[in-house]
Amino acid sequence: MPLNNCENDLLIAVALTRFSVDYEQVDPELAEHAWQLAADRLFKHGLESEEAVRELLL
């Protein structure tokens, strides 16, 4: 079943957040950029990080 735009953005935000955590020690600037991109995707849908996790679990 194809994902809708919001679901797609949520999954991308999760992936960017994970990337940010994994690369924080290797390249802090890149990790910060990934974190900001994730936050921007969540903000686009009016979600906080906790709300995004809830949405993904539905």
N, C-alpha and C. Protein backbone atom coordinates (compact mmCIF):
# COMPACT_ATOMS: atom_id res chain seq x y z
N MET A 1 0.85 -1.17 0.00
CA MET A 1 0.00 0.00 0.00
C MET A 1 0.90 1.25 0.00
N PRO A 2 0.70 2.13 -0.95
CA PRO A 2 1.54 3.33 -1.04
C PRO A 2 1.29 4.26 0.16
N LEU A 3 2.34 4.97 0.53
CA LEU A 3 2.25 5.93 1.63
C LEU A 3 1.72 7.26 1.13
N ASN A 4 0.96 7.95 1.99
CA ASN A 4 0.56 9.30 1.62
C ASN A 4 1.71 10.26 1.93
N ASN A 5 1.58 11.51 1.56
CA ASN A 5 2.68 12.48 1.72
C ASN A 5 3.09 12.65 3.18
N CYS A 6 2.13 12.70 4.08
CA CYS A 6 2.45 12.87 5.49
C CYS A 6 3.23 11.66 6.02
N GLU A 7 2.77 10.47 5.71
CA GLU A 7 3.46 9.26 6.15
C GLU A 7 4.88 9.21 5.58
N ASN A 8 5.00 9.58 4.33
CA ASN A 8 6.30 9.60 3.67
C ASN A 8 7.24 10.59 4.37
N ASP A 9 6.73 11.79 4.66
CA ASP A 9 7.54 12.78 5.36
C ASP A 9 7.92 12.31 6.76
N LEU A 10 7.03 11.62 7.45
CA LEU A 10 7.34 11.12 8.78
C LEU A 10 8.46 10.09 8.73
N LEU A 11 8.40 9.20 7.77
CA LEU A 11 9.47 8.20 7.64
C LEU A 11 10.80 8.84 7.29
N ILE A 12 10.77 9.84 6.45
CA ILE A 12 11.99 10.55 6.10
C ILE A 12 12.55 11.27 7.33
N ALA A 13 11.67 11.87 8.12
CA ALA A 13 12.10 12.55 9.35
C ALA A 13 12.76 11.58 10.32
N VAL A 14 12.19 10.39 10.44
CA VAL A 14 12.79 9.37 11.31
C VAL A 14 14.16 8.98 10.79
N ALA A 15 14.28 8.76 9.50
CA ALA A 15 15.57 8.38 8.91
C ALA A 15 16.61 9.49 9.10
N LEU A 16 16.21 10.73 8.90
CA LEU A 16 17.13 11.84 9.09
C LEU A 16 17.56 11.97 10.55
N THR A 17 16.63 11.75 11.46
CA THR A 17 16.95 11.81 12.88
C THR A 17 17.94 10.71 13.25
N ARG A 18 17.70 9.52 12.75
CA ARG A 18 18.61 8.40 13.02
C ARG A 18 20.00 8.68 12.46
N PHE A 19 20.04 9.21 11.25
CA PHE A 19 21.31 9.59 10.64
C PHE A 19 22.03 10.61 11.52
N SER A 20 21.29 11.60 11.99
CA SER A 20 21.86 12.63 12.84
C SER A 20 22.49 12.05 14.10
N VAL A 21 21.80 11.13 14.73
CA VAL A 21 22.31 10.50 15.95
C VAL A 21 23.56 9.66 15.63
N ASP A 22 23.49 8.89 14.57
CA ASP A 22 24.60 8.00 14.21
C ASP A 22 25.87 8.76 13.83
N TYR A 23 25.73 9.94 13.23
CA TYR A 23 26.88 10.67 12.71
C TYR A 23 27.27 11.89 13.55
N GLU A 24 26.65 12.02 14.72
CA GLU A 24 26.93 13.17 15.57
C GLU A 24 28.41 13.31 15.91
N GLN A 25 29.07 12.20 16.20
CA GLN A 25 30.50 12.23 16.54
C GLN A 25 31.40 12.33 15.31
N VAL A 26 30.94 11.78 14.19
CA VAL A 26 31.76 11.75 12.97
C VAL A 26 31.78 13.11 12.28
N ASP A 27 30.60 13.70 12.12
CA ASP A 27 30.50 14.98 11.42
C ASP A 27 29.37 15.79 12.05
N PRO A 28 29.68 16.53 13.11
CA PRO A 28 28.64 17.27 13.84
C PRO A 28 27.85 18.25 12.97
N GLU A 29 28.52 18.88 12.02
CA GLU A 29 27.82 19.84 11.16
C GLU A 29 26.80 19.13 10.28
N LEU A 30 27.18 18.02 9.68
CA LEU A 30 26.25 17.25 8.86
C LEU A 30 25.11 16.69 9.71
N ALA A 31 25.43 16.22 10.89
CA ALA A 31 24.40 15.69 11.80
C ALA A 31 23.39 16.78 12.16
N GLU A 32 23.87 17.98 12.42
CA GLU A 32 22.98 19.10 12.75
C GLU A 32 22.09 19.44 11.57
N HIS A 33 22.65 19.39 10.38
CA HIS A 33 21.86 19.67 9.16
C HIS A 33 20.76 18.62 8.99
N ALA A 34 21.09 17.37 9.19
CA ALA A 34 20.10 16.29 9.09
C ALA A 34 18.99 16.49 10.13
N TRP A 35 19.40 16.85 11.35
CA TRP A 35 18.43 17.09 12.42
C TRP A 35 17.48 18.23 12.03
N GLN A 36 18.02 19.30 11.46
CA GLN A 36 17.18 20.43 11.06
C GLN A 36 16.23 20.05 9.94
N LEU A 37 16.70 19.27 8.99
CA LEU A 37 15.82 18.81 7.91
C LEU A 37 14.67 17.96 8.47
N ALA A 38 14.98 17.11 9.43
CA ALA A 38 13.93 16.29 10.06
C ALA A 38 12.92 17.18 10.77
N ALA A 39 13.41 18.15 11.51
CA ALA A 39 12.52 19.07 12.23
C ALA A 39 11.65 19.86 11.26
N ASP A 40 12.22 20.27 10.14
CA ASP A 40 11.44 21.00 9.13
C ASP A 40 10.30 20.16 8.57
N ARG A 41 10.56 18.88 8.34
CA ARG A 41 9.50 18.00 7.82
C ARG A 41 8.39 17.82 8.84
N LEU A 42 8.74 17.70 10.11
CA LEU A 42 7.73 17.58 11.17
C LEU A 42 6.94 18.87 11.30
N PHE A 43 7.63 20.00 11.28
CA PHE A 43 6.98 21.29 11.40
C PHE A 43 5.99 21.52 10.25
N LYS A 44 6.36 21.06 9.06
CA LYS A 44 5.50 21.18 7.88
C LYS A 44 4.11 20.58 8.13
N HIS A 45 4.06 19.55 8.95
CA HIS A 45 2.79 18.88 9.26
C HIS A 45 2.27 19.25 10.64
N GLY A 46 2.91 20.22 11.27
CA GLY A 46 2.46 20.68 12.57
C GLY A 46 2.65 19.67 13.68
N LEU A 47 3.70 18.84 13.58
CA LEU A 47 3.93 17.79 14.56
C LEU A 47 5.18 18.05 15.39
N GLU A 48 5.12 17.65 16.63
CA GLU A 48 6.30 17.58 17.49
C GLU A 48 6.86 16.16 17.37
N SER A 49 8.05 15.93 17.84
CA SER A 49 8.66 14.60 17.68
C SER A 49 7.84 13.49 18.33
N GLU A 50 7.27 13.75 19.51
CA GLU A 50 6.46 12.72 20.18
C GLU A 50 5.21 12.39 19.37
N GLU A 51 4.62 13.42 18.77
CA GLU A 51 3.44 13.22 17.95
C GLU A 51 3.77 12.42 16.70
N ALA A 52 4.95 12.65 16.14
CA ALA A 52 5.37 11.92 14.95
C ALA A 52 5.49 10.43 15.25
N VAL A 53 6.05 10.10 16.40
CA VAL A 53 6.17 8.69 16.79
C VAL A 53 4.79 8.07 16.93
N ARG A 54 3.89 8.78 17.55
CA ARG A 54 2.50 8.26 17.69
C ARG A 54 1.86 8.03 16.34
N GLU A 55 2.04 8.98 15.42
CA GLU A 55 1.45 8.85 14.08
C GLU A 55 2.01 7.63 13.36
N LEU A 56 3.29 7.39 13.49
CA LEU A 56 3.90 6.25 12.82
C LEU A 56 3.40 4.92 13.40
N LEU A 57 3.04 4.91 14.67
CA LEU A 57 2.57 3.68 15.31
C LEU A 57 1.12 3.37 14.96
N LEU A 58 0.38 4.33 14.41
CA LEU A 58 -1.03 4.09 14.05
C LEU A 58 -1.17 3.19 12.86
